[in-house]
Protein backbone atom coordinates (compact mmCIF):
# COMPACT_ATOMS: atom_id res chain seq x y z
CA MET A 1 185.05 151.54 15.57
CA VAL A 2 188.38 150.49 14.09
CA ASN A 3 189.24 150.63 10.41
CA LEU A 4 190.32 147.41 8.74
CA TYR A 5 193.96 148.41 8.27
CA ASP A 6 194.34 149.29 11.96
CA ALA A 7 192.53 146.11 12.95
CA LYS A 8 195.09 144.06 11.02
CA THR A 9 197.98 145.70 12.82
CA GLN A 10 196.32 145.58 16.26
CA LEU A 11 194.57 142.21 16.02
CA SER A 12 196.14 140.71 19.13
CA ALA A 13 195.16 143.71 21.30
CA LEU A 14 191.66 143.80 19.80
CA VAL A 15 191.15 140.09 20.53
CA GLU A 16 192.16 140.66 24.15
CA ALA A 17 189.77 143.61 24.41
CA ALA A 18 186.95 141.49 22.99
CA ALA A 19 187.76 138.67 25.42
CA ALA A 20 187.46 141.22 28.24
CA GLY A 21 183.89 142.00 27.12
CA LYS A 22 184.32 144.91 24.73
CA GLU A 23 182.62 144.82 21.31
CA ILE A 24 184.85 146.05 18.50
CA ILE A 25 183.32 147.17 15.21
CA ILE A 26 185.63 146.79 12.22
CA ALA A 27 184.94 149.18 9.36
CA LYS A 28 186.09 149.42 5.77
CA ASN A 29 185.98 152.85 4.16
CA GLY A 30 184.06 154.14 7.18
CA ARG A 31 181.30 151.53 6.86
CA PRO A 32 180.86 148.88 9.57
CA ARG A 33 181.66 145.42 8.16
CA ALA A 34 182.16 143.10 11.16
CA LYS A 35 181.87 142.89 14.91
CA LEU A 36 184.52 141.27 17.10
CA VAL A 37 183.05 139.89 20.33
CA ALA A 38 184.11 137.43 23.01
CA TYR A 39 183.70 133.74 22.28
CA ARG A 40 181.19 132.05 24.56
CA GLU A 41 180.84 128.32 25.03
CA THR A 42 177.31 127.15 24.46
CA ALA A 43 175.84 124.09 26.06
CA ARG A 44 175.21 121.38 23.52
CA ARG A 45 171.71 119.96 23.44
CA LYS A 46 171.54 116.42 24.81
CA PRO A 47 168.86 114.28 23.14
CA GLY A 48 166.79 112.23 25.56
CA ARG A 49 167.20 114.49 28.61
CA ALA A 50 163.42 114.80 29.02
CA LYS A 51 162.76 111.08 28.62
CA GLY A 52 160.08 110.01 31.07
CA ARG A 53 159.02 113.60 31.84
CA ILE A 54 156.78 114.21 28.84
CA TRP A 55 153.42 112.55 28.33
CA MET A 56 151.17 112.69 25.28
CA SER A 57 147.69 111.27 25.09
CA ALA A 58 146.96 108.46 22.66
CA ASP A 59 144.78 110.80 20.54
CA PHE A 60 147.38 113.59 20.37
CA ASP A 61 147.42 113.64 16.57
CA ALA A 62 143.76 112.76 16.03
CA PRO A 63 141.68 115.06 13.79
CA LEU A 64 140.27 118.11 15.57
CA PRO A 65 136.54 118.32 16.30
CA LYS A 66 134.44 120.22 13.74
CA ASP A 67 133.69 123.14 16.11
CA VAL A 68 137.41 123.69 16.74
CA LEU A 69 138.19 123.61 13.02
CA GLU A 70 135.39 126.11 12.41
CA ALA A 71 136.81 128.39 15.09
CA PHE A 72 140.19 128.35 13.32
CA SER A 73 138.73 128.93 9.88
CA GLY A 74 136.38 131.71 11.01
CA GLY A 75 133.17 130.11 9.82
CA PRO A 76 131.28 126.92 9.06
CA LEU A 77 133.06 124.19 7.14
CA ASP A 78 131.62 122.75 3.96
CA GLU A 79 131.23 118.99 4.03
């Protein structure tokens, strides 16, 4: 844990330590306020990657049968 004043004066060294895999907690008045960690690239989601691999039946969004609805509700349904 590093206090905020020291973090300001040692920022360059702290960034290098974080880039090397160390997590640095920055505190103000002895209370943790922020965590400095390495930046990681994340893969962006590409829409359409699963095109042609997913199949849904024609009745996918059709109303559920009465017995299934009753199972979800825990009892008979009123009509």
